[in-house]
Amino acid sequence: DEFFIGPEGYKFDIEKLGEAHKWC
């Protein structure tokens, strides 16, 4: 979830979920 936190807050993108888990 932290992968999706940016300057504008939390913005989930299902297309980037795999990338988010690799980042984690």
PDB file of all heavy atoms in Angstrom:
ATOM      1  N   ASP A   1       0.820  -1.223   0.000  1.00  0.00           N
ATOM      2  CA  ASP A   1       0.000   0.000   0.000  1.00  0.00           C
ATOM      3  C   ASP A   1       0.850   1.266   0.000  1.00  0.00           C
ATOM      4  O   ASP A   1       0.474   2.277  -0.573  1.00  0.00           O
ATOM      5  CB  ASP A   1      -0.935   0.034   1.209  1.00  0.00           C
ATOM      6  CG  ASP A   1      -2.278  -0.608   0.933  1.00  0.00           C
ATOM      7  OD1 ASP A   1      -2.574  -0.894  -0.244  1.00  0.00           O
ATOM      8  OD2 ASP A   1      -3.021  -0.818   1.894  1.00  0.00           O
ATOM      9  N   GLU A   2       1.996   1.210   0.671  1.00  0.00           N
ATOM     10  CA  GLU A   2       2.863   2.391   0.735  1.00  0.00           C
ATOM     11  C   GLU A   2       3.334   2.825  -0.653  1.00  0.00           C
ATOM     12  O   GLU A   2       3.627   3.998  -0.869  1.00  0.00           O
ATOM     13  CB  GLU A   2       4.088   2.098   1.610  1.00  0.00           C
ATOM     14  CG  GLU A   2       3.756   1.892   3.057  1.00  0.00           C
ATOM     15  CD  GLU A   2       4.987   1.516   3.853  1.00  0.00           C
ATOM     16  OE1 GLU A   2       5.904   0.860   3.319  1.00  0.00           O
ATOM     17  OE2 GLU A   2       5.036   1.902   5.024  1.00  0.00           O
ATOM     18  N   PHE A   3       3.423   1.887  -1.577  1.00  0.00           N
ATOM     19  CA  PHE A   3       3.828   2.175  -2.946  1.00  0.00           C
ATOM     20  C   PHE A   3       2.885   3.197  -3.600  1.00  0.00           C
ATOM     21  O   PHE A   3       3.303   3.981  -4.446  1.00  0.00           O
ATOM     22  CB  PHE A   3       3.838   0.870  -3.759  1.00  0.00           C
ATOM     23  CG  PHE A   3       4.182   1.029  -5.201  1.00  0.00           C
ATOM     24  CD1 PHE A   3       5.507   1.071  -5.612  1.00  0.00           C
ATOM     25  CD2 PHE A   3       3.186   1.119  -6.163  1.00  0.00           C
ATOM     26  CE1 PHE A   3       5.831   1.209  -6.951  1.00  0.00           C
ATOM     27  CE2 PHE A   3       3.499   1.256  -7.503  1.00  0.00           C
ATOM     28  CZ  PHE A   3       4.826   1.303  -7.897  1.00  0.00           C
ATOM     29  N   PHE A   4       1.630   3.156  -3.194  1.00  0.00           N
ATOM     30  CA  PHE A   4       0.604   4.010  -3.810  1.00  0.00           C
ATOM     31  C   PHE A   4       0.439   5.364  -3.116  1.00  0.00           C
ATOM     32  O   PHE A   4      -0.458   6.131  -3.461  1.00  0.00           O
ATOM     33  CB  PHE A   4      -0.735   3.269  -3.836  1.00  0.00           C
ATOM     34  CG  PHE A   4      -0.693   2.006  -4.646  1.00  0.00           C
ATOM     35  CD1 PHE A   4      -0.680   0.773  -4.028  1.00  0.00           C
ATOM     36  CD2 PHE A   4      -0.646   2.057  -6.026  1.00  0.00           C
ATOM     37  CE1 PHE A   4      -0.633  -0.401  -4.770  1.00  0.00           C
ATOM     38  CE2 PHE A   4      -0.596   0.894  -6.783  1.00  0.00           C
ATOM     39  CZ  PHE A   4      -0.589  -0.337  -6.149  1.00  0.00           C
ATOM     40  N   ILE A   5       1.276   5.654  -2.143  1.00  0.00           N
ATOM     41  CA  ILE A   5       1.190   6.938  -1.447  1.00  0.00           C
ATOM     42  C   ILE A   5       2.145   7.920  -2.098  1.00  0.00           C
ATOM     43  O   ILE A   5       3.340   7.666  -2.210  1.00  0.00           O
ATOM     44  CB  ILE A   5       1.519   6.786   0.055  1.00  0.00           C
ATOM     45  CG1 ILE A   5       0.519   5.842   0.711  1.00  0.00           C
ATOM     46  CG2 ILE A   5       1.502   8.154   0.744  1.00  0.00           C
ATOM     47  CD1 ILE A   5       0.859   5.472   2.144  1.00  0.00           C
ATOM     48  N   GLY A   6       1.583   9.026  -2.567  1.00  0.00           N
ATOM     49  CA  GLY A   6       2.381  10.063  -3.213  1.00  0.00           C
ATOM     50  C   GLY A   6       2.063  11.423  -2.639  1.00  0.00           C
ATOM     51  O   GLY A   6       1.385  11.530  -1.612  1.00  0.00           O
ATOM     52  N   PRO A   7       2.503  12.467  -3.309  1.00  0.00           N
ATOM     53  CA  PRO A   7       2.274  13.831  -2.820  1.00  0.00           C
ATOM     54  C   PRO A   7       0.795  14.173  -2.628  1.00  0.00           C
ATOM     55  O   PRO A   7       0.448  14.994  -1.795  1.00  0.00           O
ATOM     56  CB  PRO A   7       2.883  14.713  -3.899  1.00  0.00           C
ATOM     57  CG  PRO A   7       3.767  13.821  -4.696  1.00  0.00           C
ATOM     58  CD  PRO A   7       3.263  12.428  -4.534  1.00  0.00           C
ATOM     59  N   GLU A   8      -0.056  13.518  -3.400  1.00  0.00           N
ATOM     60  CA  GLU A   8      -1.501  13.796  -3.306  1.00  0.00           C
ATOM     61  C   GLU A   8      -2.225  12.782  -2.432  1.00  0.00           C
ATOM     62  O   GLU A   8      -3.455  12.704  -2.452  1.00  0.00           O
ATOM     63  CB  GLU A   8      -2.100  13.833  -4.702  1.00  0.00           C
ATOM     64  CG  GLU A   8      -1.510  14.936  -5.568  1.00  0.00           C
ATOM     65  CD  GLU A   8      -2.019  14.896  -6.987  1.00  0.00           C
ATOM     66  OE1 GLU A   8      -2.998  14.183  -7.284  1.00  0.00           O
ATOM     67  OE2 GLU A   8      -1.432  15.601  -7.822  1.00  0.00           O
ATOM     68  N   GLY A   9      -1.486  11.976  -1.682  1.00  0.00           N
ATOM     69  CA  GLY A   9      -2.111  10.977  -0.825  1.00  0.00           C
ATOM     70  C   GLY A   9      -2.132   9.604  -1.471  1.00  0.00           C
ATOM     71  O   GLY A   9      -1.370   9.322  -2.383  1.00  0.00           O
ATOM     72  N   TYR A  10      -3.023   8.767  -0.994  1.00  0.00           N
ATOM     73  CA  TYR A  10      -3.130   7.380  -1.458  1.00  0.00           C
ATOM     74  C   TYR A  10      -3.929   7.323  -2.749  1.00  0.00           C
ATOM     75  O   TYR A  10      -5.042   7.823  -2.827  1.00  0.00           O
ATOM     76  CB  TYR A  10      -3.815   6.532  -0.380  1.00  0.00           C
ATOM     77  CG  TYR A  10      -3.944   5.075  -0.729  1.00  0.00           C
ATOM     78  CD1 TYR A  10      -2.868   4.210  -0.567  1.00  0.00           C
ATOM     79  CD2 TYR A  10      -5.140   4.559  -1.204  1.00  0.00           C
ATOM     80  CE1 TYR A  10      -2.980   2.864  -0.871  1.00  0.00           C
ATOM     81  CE2 TYR A  10      -5.269   3.215  -1.508  1.00  0.00           C
ATOM     82  CZ  TYR A  10      -4.182   2.369  -1.343  1.00  0.00           C
ATOM     83  OH  TYR A  10      -4.295   1.037  -1.652  1.00  0.00           O
ATOM     84  N   LYS A  11      -3.333   6.697  -3.767  1.00  0.00           N
ATOM     85  CA  LYS A  11      -4.016   6.550  -5.057  1.00  0.00           C
ATOM     86  C   LYS A  11      -3.724   5.152  -5.595  1.00  0.00           C
ATOM     87  O   LYS A  11      -2.691   4.907  -6.211  1.00  0.00           O
ATOM     88  CB  LYS A  11      -3.549   7.614  -6.037  1.00  0.00           C
ATOM     89  CG  LYS A  11      -4.356   7.621  -7.315  1.00  0.00           C
ATOM     90  CD  LYS A  11      -3.973   8.777  -8.198  1.00  0.00           C
ATOM     91  CE  LYS A  11      -4.797   8.724  -9.475  1.00  0.00           C
ATOM     92  NZ  LYS A  11      -4.389   9.735 -10.418  1.00  0.00           N
ATOM     93  N   PHE A  12      -4.647   4.227  -5.338  1.00  0.00           N
ATOM     94  CA  PHE A  12      -4.480   2.833  -5.750  1.00  0.00           C
ATOM     95  C   PHE A  12      -4.651   2.692  -7.251  1.00  0.00           C
ATOM     96  O   PHE A  12      -5.525   3.311  -7.855  1.00  0.00           O
ATOM     97  CB  PHE A  12      -5.495   1.943  -5.028  1.00  0.00           C
ATOM     98  CG  PHE A  12      -5.377   0.492  -5.394  1.00  0.00           C
ATOM     99  CD1 PHE A  12      -4.349  -0.273  -4.889  1.00  0.00           C
ATOM    100  CD2 PHE A  12      -6.294  -0.088  -6.255  1.00  0.00           C
ATOM    101  CE1 PHE A  12      -4.228  -1.619  -5.222  1.00  0.00           C
ATOM    102  CE2 PHE A  12      -6.190  -1.432  -6.597  1.00  0.00           C
ATOM    103  CZ  PHE A  12      -5.159  -2.188  -6.080  1.00  0.00           C
ATOM    104  N   ASP A  13      -3.812   1.856  -7.876  1.00  0.00           N
ATOM    105  CA  ASP A  13      -3.888   1.566  -9.308  1.00  0.00           C
ATOM    106  C   ASP A  13      -3.687   0.059  -9.479  1.00  0.00           C
ATOM    107  O   ASP A  13      -2.578  -0.450  -9.320  1.00  0.00           O
ATOM    108  CB  ASP A  13      -2.809   2.349 -10.057  1.00  0.00           C
ATOM    109  CG  ASP A  13      -2.830   2.129 -11.554  1.00  0.00           C
ATOM    110  OD1 ASP A  13      -3.524   1.200 -12.034  1.00  0.00           O
ATOM    111  OD2 ASP A  13      -2.132   2.874 -12.260  1.00  0.00           O
ATOM    112  N   ILE A  14      -4.754  -0.647  -9.780  1.00  0.00           N
ATOM    113  CA  ILE A  14      -4.705  -2.108  -9.912  1.00  0.00           C
ATOM    114  C   ILE A  14      -3.662  -2.549 -10.936  1.00  0.00           C
ATOM    115  O   ILE A  14      -3.056  -3.601 -10.789  1.00  0.00           O
ATOM    116  CB  ILE A  14      -6.111  -2.682 -10.272  1.00  0.00           C
ATOM    117  CG1 ILE A  14      -6.118  -4.220 -10.174  1.00  0.00           C
ATOM    118  CG2 ILE A  14      -6.528  -2.265 -11.668  1.00  0.00           C
ATOM    119  CD1 ILE A  14      -6.206  -4.734  -8.796  1.00  0.00           C
ATOM    120  N   GLU A  15      -3.411  -1.726 -11.934  1.00  0.00           N
ATOM    121  CA  GLU A  15      -2.434  -2.051 -12.981  1.00  0.00           C
ATOM    122  C   GLU A  15      -1.018  -2.132 -12.410  1.00  0.00           C
ATOM    123  O   GLU A  15      -0.149  -2.765 -12.995  1.00  0.00           O
ATOM    124  CB  GLU A  15      -2.466  -0.995 -14.088  1.00  0.00           C
ATOM    125  CG  GLU A  15      -3.820  -0.798 -14.726  1.00  0.00           C
ATOM    126  CD  GLU A  15      -4.048  -1.731 -15.899  1.00  0.00           C
ATOM    127  OE1 GLU A  15      -3.071  -2.031 -16.602  1.00  0.00           O
ATOM    128  OE2 GLU A  15      -5.202  -2.150 -16.090  1.00  0.00           O
ATOM    129  N   LYS A  16      -0.778  -1.481 -11.277  1.00  0.00           N
ATOM    130  CA  LYS A  16       0.562  -1.438 -10.691  1.00  0.00           C
ATOM    131  C   LYS A  16       0.696  -2.319  -9.447  1.00  0.00           C
ATOM    132  O   LYS A  16       1.694  -2.228  -8.738  1.00  0.00           O
ATOM    133  CB  LYS A  16       0.927   0.005 -10.341  1.00  0.00           C
ATOM    134  CG  LYS A  16       1.043   0.894 -11.563  1.00  0.00           C
ATOM    135  CD  LYS A  16       1.461   2.284 -11.186  1.00  0.00           C
ATOM    136  CE  LYS A  16       1.583   3.150 -12.435  1.00  0.00           C
ATOM    137  NZ  LYS A  16       1.970   4.521 -12.083  1.00  0.00           N
ATOM    138  N   LEU A  17      -0.280  -3.180  -9.216  1.00  0.00           N
ATOM    139  CA  LEU A  17      -0.263  -3.988  -7.990  1.00  0.00           C
ATOM    140  C   LEU A  17       0.942  -4.936  -7.952  1.00  0.00           C
ATOM    141  O   LEU A  17       1.597  -5.078  -6.921  1.00  0.00           O
ATOM    142  CB  LEU A  17      -1.569  -4.761  -7.838  1.00  0.00           C
ATOM    143  CG  LEU A  17      -1.766  -5.474  -6.510  1.00  0.00           C
ATOM    144  CD1 LEU A  17      -1.642  -4.509  -5.343  1.00  0.00           C
ATOM    145  CD2 LEU A  17      -3.110  -6.180  -6.479  1.00  0.00           C
ATOM    146  N   GLY A  18       1.253  -5.578  -9.059  1.00  0.00           N
ATOM    147  CA  GLY A  18       2.417  -6.467  -9.109  1.00  0.00           C
ATOM    148  C   GLY A  18       3.703  -5.713  -8.815  1.00  0.00           C
ATOM    149  O   GLY A  18       4.571  -6.190  -8.064  1.00  0.00           O
ATOM    150  N   GLU A  19       3.830  -4.533  -9.398  1.00  0.00           N
ATOM    151  CA  GLU A  19       4.997  -3.685  -9.154  1.00  0.00           C
ATOM    152  C   GLU A  19       5.075  -3.282  -7.679  1.00  0.00           C
ATOM    153  O   GLU A  19       6.151  -3.243  -7.084  1.00  0.00           O
ATOM    154  CB  GLU A  19       4.908  -2.440 -10.039  1.00  0.00           C
ATOM    155  CG  GLU A  19       6.106  -1.546  -9.980  1.00  0.00           C
ATOM    156  CD  GLU A  19       5.958  -0.317 -10.883  1.00  0.00           C
ATOM    157  OE1 GLU A  19       5.044  -0.266 -11.731  1.00  0.00           O
ATOM    158  OE2 GLU A  19       6.773   0.601 -10.704  1.00  0.00           O
ATOM    159  N   ALA A  20       3.915  -3.007  -7.089  1.00  0.00           N
ATOM    160  CA  ALA A  20       3.866  -2.618  -5.676  1.00  0.00           C
ATOM    161  C   ALA A  20       4.352  -3.750  -4.773  1.00  0.00           C
ATOM    162  O   ALA A  20       5.082  -3.512  -3.808  1.00  0.00           O
ATOM    163  CB  ALA A  20       2.452  -2.204  -5.290  1.00  0.00           C
ATOM    164  N   HIS A  21       3.970  -4.979  -5.090  1.00  0.00           N
ATOM    165  CA  HIS A  21       4.407  -6.108  -4.270  1.00  0.00           C
ATOM    166  C   HIS A  21       5.899  -6.388  -4.440  1.00  0.00           C
ATOM    167  O   HIS A  21       6.580  -6.733  -3.468  1.00  0.00           O
ATOM    168  CB  HIS A  21       3.564  -7.345  -4.559  1.00  0.00           C
ATOM    169  CG  HIS A  21       2.251  -7.307  -3.846  1.00  0.00           C
ATOM    170  ND1 HIS A  21       2.123  -7.613  -2.510  1.00  0.00           N
ATOM    171  CD2 HIS A  21       1.016  -6.964  -4.277  1.00  0.00           C
ATOM    172  CE1 HIS A  21       0.859  -7.462  -2.151  1.00  0.00           C
ATOM    173  NE2 HIS A  21       0.173  -7.068  -3.202  1.00  0.00           N
ATOM    174  N   LYS A  22       6.428  -6.201  -5.635  1.00  0.00           N
ATOM    175  CA  LYS A  22       7.878  -6.337  -5.841  1.00  0.00           C
ATOM    176  C   LYS A  22       8.625  -5.260  -5.057  1.00  0.00           C
ATOM    177  O   LYS A  22       9.657  -5.525  -4.440  1.00  0.00           O
ATOM    178  CB  LYS A  22       8.217  -6.238  -7.329  1.00  0.00           C
ATOM    179  CG  LYS A  22       7.802  -7.451  -8.105  1.00  0.00           C
ATOM    180  CD  LYS A  22       8.129  -7.279  -9.581  1.00  0.00           C
ATOM    181  CE  LYS A  22       7.539  -8.415 -10.385  1.00  0.00           C
ATOM    182  NZ  LYS A  22       7.727  -8.213 -11.818  1.00  0.00           N
ATOM    183  N   TRP A  23       8.102  -4.043  -5.075  1.00  0.00           N
ATOM    184  CA  TRP A  23       8.701  -2.928  -4.329  1.00  0.00           C
ATOM    185  C   TRP A  23       8.723  -3.246  -2.834  1.00  0.00           C
ATOM    186  O   TRP A  23       9.711  -3.022  -2.147  1.00  0.00           O
ATOM    187  CB  TRP A  23       7.903  -1.659  -4.621  1.00  0.00           C
ATOM    188  CG  TRP A  23       8.312  -0.466  -3.825  1.00  0.00           C
ATOM    189  CD1 TRP A  23       9.286   0.439  -4.143  1.00  0.00           C
ATOM    190  CD2 TRP A  23       7.760  -0.032  -2.580  1.00  0.00           C
ATOM    191  NE1 TRP A  23       9.365   1.411  -3.168  1.00  0.00           N
ATOM    192  CE2 TRP A  23       8.440   1.139  -2.195  1.00  0.00           C
ATOM    193  CE3 TRP A  23       6.752  -0.509  -1.756  1.00  0.00           C
ATOM    194  CZ2 TRP A  23       8.147   1.833  -1.035  1.00  0.00           C
ATOM    195  CZ3 TRP A  23       6.460   0.167  -0.586  1.00  0.00           C
ATOM    196  CH2 TRP A  23       7.155   1.331  -0.237  1.00  0.00           C
ATOM    197  N   CYS A  24       7.622  -3.789  -2.337  1.00  0.00           N
ATOM    198  CA  CYS A  24       7.513  -4.136  -0.922  1.00  0.00           C
ATOM    199  C   CYS A  24       8.539  -5.214  -0.557  1.00  0.00           C
ATOM    200  O   CYS A  24       9.208  -5.115   0.478  1.00  0.00           O
ATOM    201  CB  CYS A  24       6.094  -4.607  -0.600  1.00  0.00           C
ATOM    202  SG  CYS A  24       5.836  -5.032   1.130  1.00  0.00           S
TER     203      CYS A  24
END
